[in-house]
Amino acid sequence: MSAGFLLRWFGRSCFVAAAVVAGYLIWVMWGTGFITSQAQGDLRSQLAPLLEHPMSPPADPASEPIHLTGDAYAEIVIPRMSLDMIVVQGTDTASLMKGPGHYPHTADPWDDTGRVAIAGHRTTYLHPFWNLDKMQPGDPIQLATEYGTFDYRVTKTAIVAPTATQVAEPTVKPTLILTTCNPRFSASQRIVVFADRL
């Protein structure tokens, strides 16, 4: 077997490997967005009628309709990030493929107390929280729900360990946190944006 043949074989192998890696990266960065885009269209059509005619929150929280995992939960609008997406209920893998997800065991926006917690992808599935690190104190965040629209103002941001679950602990006043991986393309940390309801 000649050296020339081995070099050609090696070169072709490298080309094929590079094409496979490039294809994977294109799928991760942009291809996953097709899945999310389709899901967002479906979710928006489900939530739109409820947003047009919001109800008053039930006096008894136990009588609230149950939001199933993956269902449309709220519309989130963040001007600083040019973000307008539907938040789903749940933060499991399948739910976050559809859009940002509400942690089910945290407060709801219409509650008088507690902390609403929402997570979102930063580099895949339309990367809703790609620019979460750009948020600044005073920036507005709006959550539109079947029980009305709720406005928040950012108070601070923090970088924490993935195990820092205390950031989602309940608060006396109605508050909100948004979380995503940090830095981009890594899950070694979490960036957390804190906001107070107006």
C-alpha atoms as a PDB file:
ATOM      1  CA  MET A   1       0.000   0.000   0.000  1.00  0.00           C
ATOM      2  CA  SER A   2       1.586   3.252  -1.113  1.00  0.00           C
ATOM      3  CA  ALA A   3       2.103   6.347   1.012  1.00  0.00           C
ATOM      4  CA  GLY A   4       0.038   8.341  -1.505  1.00  0.00           C
ATOM      5  CA  PHE A   5      -2.944   6.017  -1.040  1.00  0.00           C
ATOM      6  CA  LEU A   6      -2.703   6.295   2.745  1.00  0.00           C
ATOM      7  CA  LEU A   7      -2.567  10.079   2.564  1.00  0.00           C
ATOM      8  CA  ARG A   8      -5.615  10.204   0.279  1.00  0.00           C
ATOM      9  CA  TRP A   9      -7.504   7.818   2.579  1.00  0.00           C
ATOM     10  CA  PHE A  10      -6.572   9.881   5.620  1.00  0.00           C
ATOM     11  CA  GLY A  11      -7.569  13.120   3.894  1.00  0.00           C
ATOM     12  CA  ARG A  12     -10.957  11.724   2.877  1.00  0.00           C
ATOM     13  CA  SER A  13     -11.526  10.372   6.389  1.00  0.00           C
ATOM     14  CA  CYS A  14     -10.795  13.793   7.869  1.00  0.00           C
ATOM     15  CA  PHE A  15     -13.163  15.423   5.393  1.00  0.00           C
ATOM     16  CA  VAL A  16     -15.975  12.995   6.267  1.00  0.00           C
ATOM     17  CA  ALA A  17     -15.374  13.473  10.005  1.00  0.00           C
ATOM     18  CA  ALA A  18     -15.414  17.255   9.608  1.00  0.00           C
ATOM     19  CA  ALA A  19     -18.651  17.073   7.603  1.00  0.00           C
ATOM     20  CA  VAL A  20     -20.289  14.931  10.299  1.00  0.00           C
ATOM     21  CA  VAL A  21     -19.215  17.319  13.066  1.00  0.00           C
ATOM     22  CA  ALA A  22     -20.336  20.346  11.048  1.00  0.00           C
ATOM     23  CA  GLY A  23     -23.698  18.712  10.342  1.00  0.00           C
ATOM     24  CA  TYR A  24     -24.187  17.970  14.028  1.00  0.00           C
ATOM     25  CA  LEU A  25     -23.322  21.537  15.030  1.00  0.00           C
ATOM     26  CA  ILE A  26     -25.674  22.963  12.405  1.00  0.00           C
ATOM     27  CA  TRP A  27     -28.468  20.729  13.717  1.00  0.00           C
ATOM     28  CA  VAL A  28     -27.800  21.680  17.351  1.00  0.00           C
ATOM     29  CA  MET A  29     -27.568  25.411  16.658  1.00  0.00           C
ATOM     30  CA  TRP A  30     -30.287  25.826  14.016  1.00  0.00           C
ATOM     31  CA  GLY A  31     -32.038  22.546  13.287  1.00  0.00           C
ATOM     32  CA  THR A  32     -33.482  22.231  16.778  1.00  0.00           C
ATOM     33  CA  GLY A  33     -35.075  25.622  16.234  1.00  0.00           C
ATOM     34  CA  PHE A  34     -37.481  24.115  13.680  1.00  0.00           C
ATOM     35  CA  ILE A  35     -38.901  21.860  16.400  1.00  0.00           C
ATOM     36  CA  THR A  36     -39.347  24.785  18.780  1.00  0.00           C
ATOM     37  CA  SER A  37     -40.748  27.101  16.127  1.00  0.00           C
ATOM     38  CA  GLN A  38     -43.493  24.636  15.242  1.00  0.00           C
ATOM     39  CA  ALA A  39     -44.287  24.008  18.914  1.00  0.00           C
ATOM     40  CA  GLN A  40     -44.426  27.756  19.613  1.00  0.00           C
ATOM     41  CA  GLY A  41     -46.971  28.247  16.840  1.00  0.00           C
ATOM     42  CA  ASP A  42     -49.209  25.561  18.319  1.00  0.00           C
ATOM     43  CA  LEU A  43     -48.788  26.883  21.871  1.00  0.00           C
ATOM     44  CA  ARG A  44     -49.537  30.469  20.852  1.00  0.00           C
ATOM     45  CA  SER A  45     -52.780  29.436  19.166  1.00  0.00           C
ATOM     46  CA  GLN A  46     -53.803  27.571  22.345  1.00  0.00           C
ATOM     47  CA  LEU A  47     -53.019  30.466  24.671  1.00  0.00           C
ATOM     48  CA  ALA A  48     -54.257  33.399  22.533  1.00  0.00           C
ATOM     49  CA  PRO A  49     -57.999  33.023  23.361  1.00  0.00           C
ATOM     50  CA  LEU A  50     -57.198  32.935  27.081  1.00  0.00           C
ATOM     51  CA  LEU A  51     -55.065  36.076  26.846  1.00  0.00           C
ATOM     52  CA  GLU A  52     -57.825  37.958  25.009  1.00  0.00           C
ATOM     53  CA  HIS A  53     -60.314  37.330  27.822  1.00  0.00           C
ATOM     54  CA  PRO A  54     -58.337  36.898  31.066  1.00  0.00           C
ATOM     55  CA  MET A  55     -60.171  35.727  34.172  1.00  0.00           C
ATOM     56  CA  SER A  56     -59.742  36.770  37.768  1.00  0.00           C
ATOM     57  CA  PRO A  57     -57.558  34.347  39.728  1.00  0.00           C
ATOM     58  CA  PRO A  58     -59.656  31.877  41.734  1.00  0.00           C
ATOM     59  CA  ALA A  59     -60.085  32.777  45.406  1.00  0.00           C
ATOM     60  CA  ASP A  60     -59.147  29.198  46.273  1.00  0.00           C
ATOM     61  CA  PRO A  61     -55.857  28.160  44.597  1.00  0.00           C
ATOM     62  CA  ALA A  62     -56.972  24.533  44.843  1.00  0.00           C
ATOM     63  CA  SER A  63     -59.713  25.259  42.309  1.00  0.00           C
ATOM     64  CA  GLU A  64     -57.273  26.491  39.626  1.00  0.00           C
ATOM     65  CA  PRO A  65     -57.136  24.398  36.450  1.00  0.00           C
ATOM     66  CA  ILE A  66     -54.107  22.143  36.407  1.00  0.00           C
ATOM     67  CA  HIS A  67     -51.453  23.087  33.871  1.00  0.00           C
ATOM     68  CA  LEU A  68     -50.124  19.835  32.448  1.00  0.00           C
ATOM     69  CA  THR A  69     -46.450  19.421  31.658  1.00  0.00           C
ATOM     70  CA  GLY A  70     -45.720  20.845  28.220  1.00  0.00           C
ATOM     71  CA  ASP A  71     -48.907  22.923  28.053  1.00  0.00           C
ATOM     72  CA  ALA A  72     -48.931  26.643  27.254  1.00  0.00           C
ATOM     73  CA  TYR A  73     -48.519  28.562  30.519  1.00  0.00           C
ATOM     74  CA  ALA A  74     -47.744  32.227  29.767  1.00  0.00           C
ATOM     75  CA  GLU A  75     -46.383  34.614  27.167  1.00  0.00           C
ATOM     76  CA  ILE A  76     -43.056  36.167  28.155  1.00  0.00           C
ATOM     77  CA  VAL A  77     -41.968  39.460  26.617  1.00  0.00           C
ATOM     78  CA  ILE A  78     -38.503  40.905  27.286  1.00  0.00           C
ATOM     79  CA  PRO A  79     -37.704  43.994  25.182  1.00  0.00           C
ATOM     80  CA  ARG A  80     -33.997  43.989  26.096  1.00  0.00           C
ATOM     81  CA  MET A  81     -33.637  40.553  24.472  1.00  0.00           C
ATOM     82  CA  SER A  82     -36.242  41.088  21.710  1.00  0.00           C
ATOM     83  CA  LEU A  83     -37.940  38.010  23.169  1.00  0.00           C
ATOM     84  CA  ASP A  84     -41.614  37.141  22.763  1.00  0.00           C
ATOM     85  CA  MET A  85     -42.278  33.453  23.371  1.00  0.00           C
ATOM     86  CA  ILE A  86     -44.766  31.140  24.999  1.00  0.00           C
ATOM     87  CA  VAL A  87     -43.653  29.620  28.290  1.00  0.00           C
ATOM     88  CA  VAL A  88     -44.667  26.025  28.899  1.00  0.00           C
ATOM     89  CA  GLN A  89     -45.394  24.278  32.158  1.00  0.00           C
ATOM     90  CA  GLY A  90     -42.425  22.132  33.178  1.00  0.00           C
ATOM     91  CA  THR A  91     -38.666  22.106  32.829  1.00  0.00           C
ATOM     92  CA  ASP A  92     -38.121  18.513  31.717  1.00  0.00           C
ATOM     93  CA  THR A  93     -36.241  17.867  28.479  1.00  0.00           C
ATOM     94  CA  ALA A  94     -39.349  17.503  26.312  1.00  0.00           C
ATOM     95  CA  SER A  95     -40.955  20.677  27.682  1.00  0.00           C
ATOM     96  CA  LEU A  96     -37.856  22.845  27.189  1.00  0.00           C
ATOM     97  CA  MET A  97     -37.718  21.725  23.558  1.00  0.00           C
ATOM     98  CA  LYS A  98     -40.948  23.711  23.094  1.00  0.00           C
ATOM     99  CA  GLY A  99     -39.790  26.910  24.788  1.00  0.00           C
ATOM    100  CA  PRO A 100     -38.925  28.381  28.175  1.00  0.00           C
ATOM    101  CA  GLY A 101     -40.409  26.367  31.039  1.00  0.00           C
ATOM    102  CA  HIS A 102     -42.028  27.237  34.374  1.00  0.00           C
ATOM    103  CA  TYR A 103     -40.773  25.248  37.345  1.00  0.00           C
ATOM    104  CA  PRO A 104     -44.034  23.605  38.485  1.00  0.00           C
ATOM    105  CA  HIS A 105     -43.345  23.829  42.221  1.00  0.00           C
ATOM    106  CA  THR A 106     -42.681  27.567  42.208  1.00  0.00           C
ATOM    107  CA  ALA A 107     -45.205  30.399  42.443  1.00  0.00           C
ATOM    108  CA  ASP A 108     -47.529  31.486  39.653  1.00  0.00           C
ATOM    109  CA  PRO A 109     -47.459  35.088  38.351  1.00  0.00           C
ATOM    110  CA  TRP A 110     -50.951  35.770  39.745  1.00  0.00           C
ATOM    111  CA  ASP A 111     -49.996  34.706  43.302  1.00  0.00           C
ATOM    112  CA  ASP A 112     -49.720  37.446  45.906  1.00  0.00           C
ATOM    113  CA  THR A 113     -46.486  35.983  47.267  1.00  0.00           C
ATOM    114  CA  GLY A 114     -43.720  33.677  46.115  1.00  0.00           C
ATOM    115  CA  ARG A 115     -41.135  33.432  43.377  1.00  0.00           C
ATOM    116  CA  VAL A 116     -41.980  32.451  39.805  1.00  0.00           C
ATOM    117  CA  ALA A 117     -39.058  30.515  38.284  1.00  0.00           C
ATOM    118  CA  ILE A 118     -38.594  30.059  34.528  1.00  0.00           C
ATOM    119  CA  ALA A 119     -35.752  28.234  32.771  1.00  0.00           C
ATOM    120  CA  GLY A 120     -34.768  28.338  29.116  1.00  0.00           C
ATOM    121  CA  HIS A 121     -32.165  27.055  26.688  1.00  0.00           C
ATOM    122  CA  ARG A 122     -29.293  29.321  25.783  1.00  0.00           C
ATOM    123  CA  THR A 123     -27.818  27.673  22.684  1.00  0.00           C
ATOM    124  CA  THR A 124     -30.435  25.286  21.264  1.00  0.00           C
ATOM    125  CA  TYR A 125     -34.189  25.111  20.556  1.00  0.00           C
ATOM    126  CA  LEU A 126     -34.412  28.755  19.401  1.00  0.00           C
ATOM    127  CA  HIS A 127     -32.087  29.650  22.327  1.00  0.00           C
ATOM    128  CA  PRO A 128     -34.649  31.897  24.071  1.00  0.00           C
ATOM    129  CA  PHE A 129     -32.201  32.963  26.791  1.00  0.00           C
ATOM    130  CA  TRP A 130     -29.170  33.478  24.513  1.00  0.00           C
ATOM    131  CA  ASN A 131     -28.776  37.079  25.730  1.00  0.00           C
ATOM    132  CA  LEU A 132     -29.874  36.633  29.329  1.00  0.00           C
ATOM    133  CA  ASP A 133     -26.471  37.952  30.417  1.00  0.00           C
ATOM    134  CA  LYS A 134     -27.355  41.320  28.811  1.00  0.00           C
ATOM    135  CA  MET A 135     -30.199  42.010  31.253  1.00  0.00           C
ATOM    136  CA  GLN A 136     -29.730  45.072  33.452  1.00  0.00           C
ATOM    137  CA  PRO A 137     -31.402  46.373  36.611  1.00  0.00           C
ATOM    138  CA  GLY A 138     -34.580  48.211  35.705  1.00  0.00           C
ATOM    139  CA  ASP A 139     -35.247  46.186  32.542  1.00  0.00           C
ATOM    140  CA  PRO A 140     -38.927  45.247  32.124  1.00  0.00           C
ATOM    141  CA  ILE A 141     -40.222  41.682  31.859  1.00  0.00           C
ATOM    142  CA  GLN A 142     -43.869  40.912  31.174  1.00  0.00           C
ATOM    143  CA  LEU A 143     -45.792  37.692  31.729  1.00  0.00           C
ATOM    144  CA  ALA A 144     -49.240  37.476  30.128  1.00  0.00           C
ATOM    145  CA  THR A 145     -51.432  34.676  31.502  1.00  0.00           C
ATOM    146  CA  GLU A 146     -55.018  33.499  31.560  1.00  0.00           C
ATOM    147  CA  TYR A 147     -55.359  35.437  34.840  1.00  0.00           C
ATOM    148  CA  GLY A 148     -53.992  38.741  33.584  1.00  0.00           C
ATOM    149  CA  THR A 149     -50.728  40.405  32.638  1.00  0.00           C
ATOM    150  CA  PHE A 150     -47.976  40.919  35.206  1.00  0.00           C
ATOM    151  CA  ASP A 151     -45.077  43.329  34.925  1.00  0.00           C
ATOM    152  CA  TYR A 152     -41.680  42.929  36.546  1.00  0.00           C
ATOM    153  CA  ARG A 153     -38.486  44.963  36.821  1.00  0.00           C
ATOM    154  CA  VAL A 154     -35.053  43.362  36.970  1.00  0.00           C
ATOM    155  CA  THR A 155     -33.232  43.975  40.254  1.00  0.00           C
ATOM    156  CA  LYS A 156     -29.981  42.058  39.721  1.00  0.00           C
ATOM    157  CA  THR A 157     -28.235  39.142  38.025  1.00  0.00           C
ATOM    158  CA  ALA A 158     -25.999  36.477  39.538  1.00  0.00           C
ATOM    159  CA  ILE A 159     -23.813  33.580  38.457  1.00  0.00           C
ATOM    160  CA  VAL A 160     -24.377  30.503  40.599  1.00  0.00           C
ATOM    161  CA  ALA A 161     -23.564  26.798  40.693  1.00  0.00           C
ATOM    162  CA  PRO A 162     -26.084  24.412  39.064  1.00  0.00           C
ATOM    163  CA  THR A 163     -26.836  23.081  42.544  1.00  0.00           C
ATOM    164  CA  ALA A 164     -27.812  26.505  43.962  1.00  0.00           C
ATOM    165  CA  THR A 165     -31.515  25.704  44.299  1.00  0.00           C
ATOM    166  CA  GLN A 166     -31.929  28.357  47.000  1.00  0.00           C
ATOM    167  CA  VAL A 167     -32.370  30.983  44.267  1.00  0.00           C
ATOM    168  CA  ALA A 168     -35.859  29.562  43.674  1.00  0.00           C
ATOM    169  CA  GLU A 169     -36.938  29.634  47.310  1.00  0.00           C
ATOM    170  CA  PRO A 170     -40.263  31.403  48.009  1.00  0.00           C
ATOM    171  CA  THR A 171     -40.303  35.124  48.712  1.00  0.00           C
ATOM    172  CA  VAL A 172     -42.744  37.217  50.737  1.00  0.00           C
ATOM    173  CA  LYS A 173     -43.328  39.612  47.847  1.00  0.00           C
ATOM    174  CA  PRO A 174     -44.173  38.394  44.320  1.00  0.00           C
ATOM    175  CA  THR A 175     -40.900  37.951  42.435  1.00  0.00           C
ATOM    176  CA  LEU A 176     -39.482  36.236  39.353  1.00  0.00           C
ATOM    177  CA  ILE A 177     -36.251  34.545  38.344  1.00  0.00           C
ATOM    178  CA  LEU A 178     -35.061  33.508  34.892  1.00  0.00           C
ATOM    179  CA  THR A 179     -32.296  30.905  34.674  1.00  0.00           C
ATOM    180  CA  THR A 180     -30.094  29.442  31.950  1.00  0.00           C
ATOM    181  CA  CYS A 181     -26.710  27.790  31.516  1.00  0.00           C
ATOM    182  CA  ASN A 182     -23.533  29.831  31.719  1.00  0.00           C
ATOM    183  CA  PRO A 183     -21.271  30.385  29.895  1.00  0.00           C
ATOM    184  CA  ARG A 184     -22.740  29.657  26.466  1.00  0.00           C
ATOM    185  CA  PHE A 185     -22.136  26.077  25.289  1.00  0.00           C
ATOM    186  CA  SER A 186     -21.441  24.967  28.878  1.00  0.00           C
ATOM    187  CA  ALA A 187     -23.527  23.811  31.828  1.00  0.00           C
ATOM    188  CA  SER A 188     -20.864  24.474  34.459  1.00  0.00           C
ATOM    189  CA  GLN A 189     -22.762  27.443  35.908  1.00  0.00           C
ATOM    190  CA  ARG A 190     -26.166  29.099  35.874  1.00  0.00           C
ATOM    191  CA  ILE A 191     -26.944  32.741  35.237  1.00  0.00           C
ATOM    192  CA  VAL A 192     -29.949  33.978  37.196  1.00  0.00           C
ATOM    193  CA  VAL A 193     -31.914  37.163  36.592  1.00  0.00           C
ATOM    194  CA  PHE A 194     -33.952  38.396  39.576  1.00  0.00           C
ATOM    195  CA  ALA A 195     -36.990  40.643  39.168  1.00  0.00           C
ATOM    196  CA  ASP A 196     -39.732  42.116  41.357  1.00  0.00           C
ATOM    197  CA  ARG A 197     -43.364  42.378  40.332  1.00  0.00           C
ATOM    198  CA  LEU A 198     -44.675  45.923  40.036  1.00  0.00           C
END
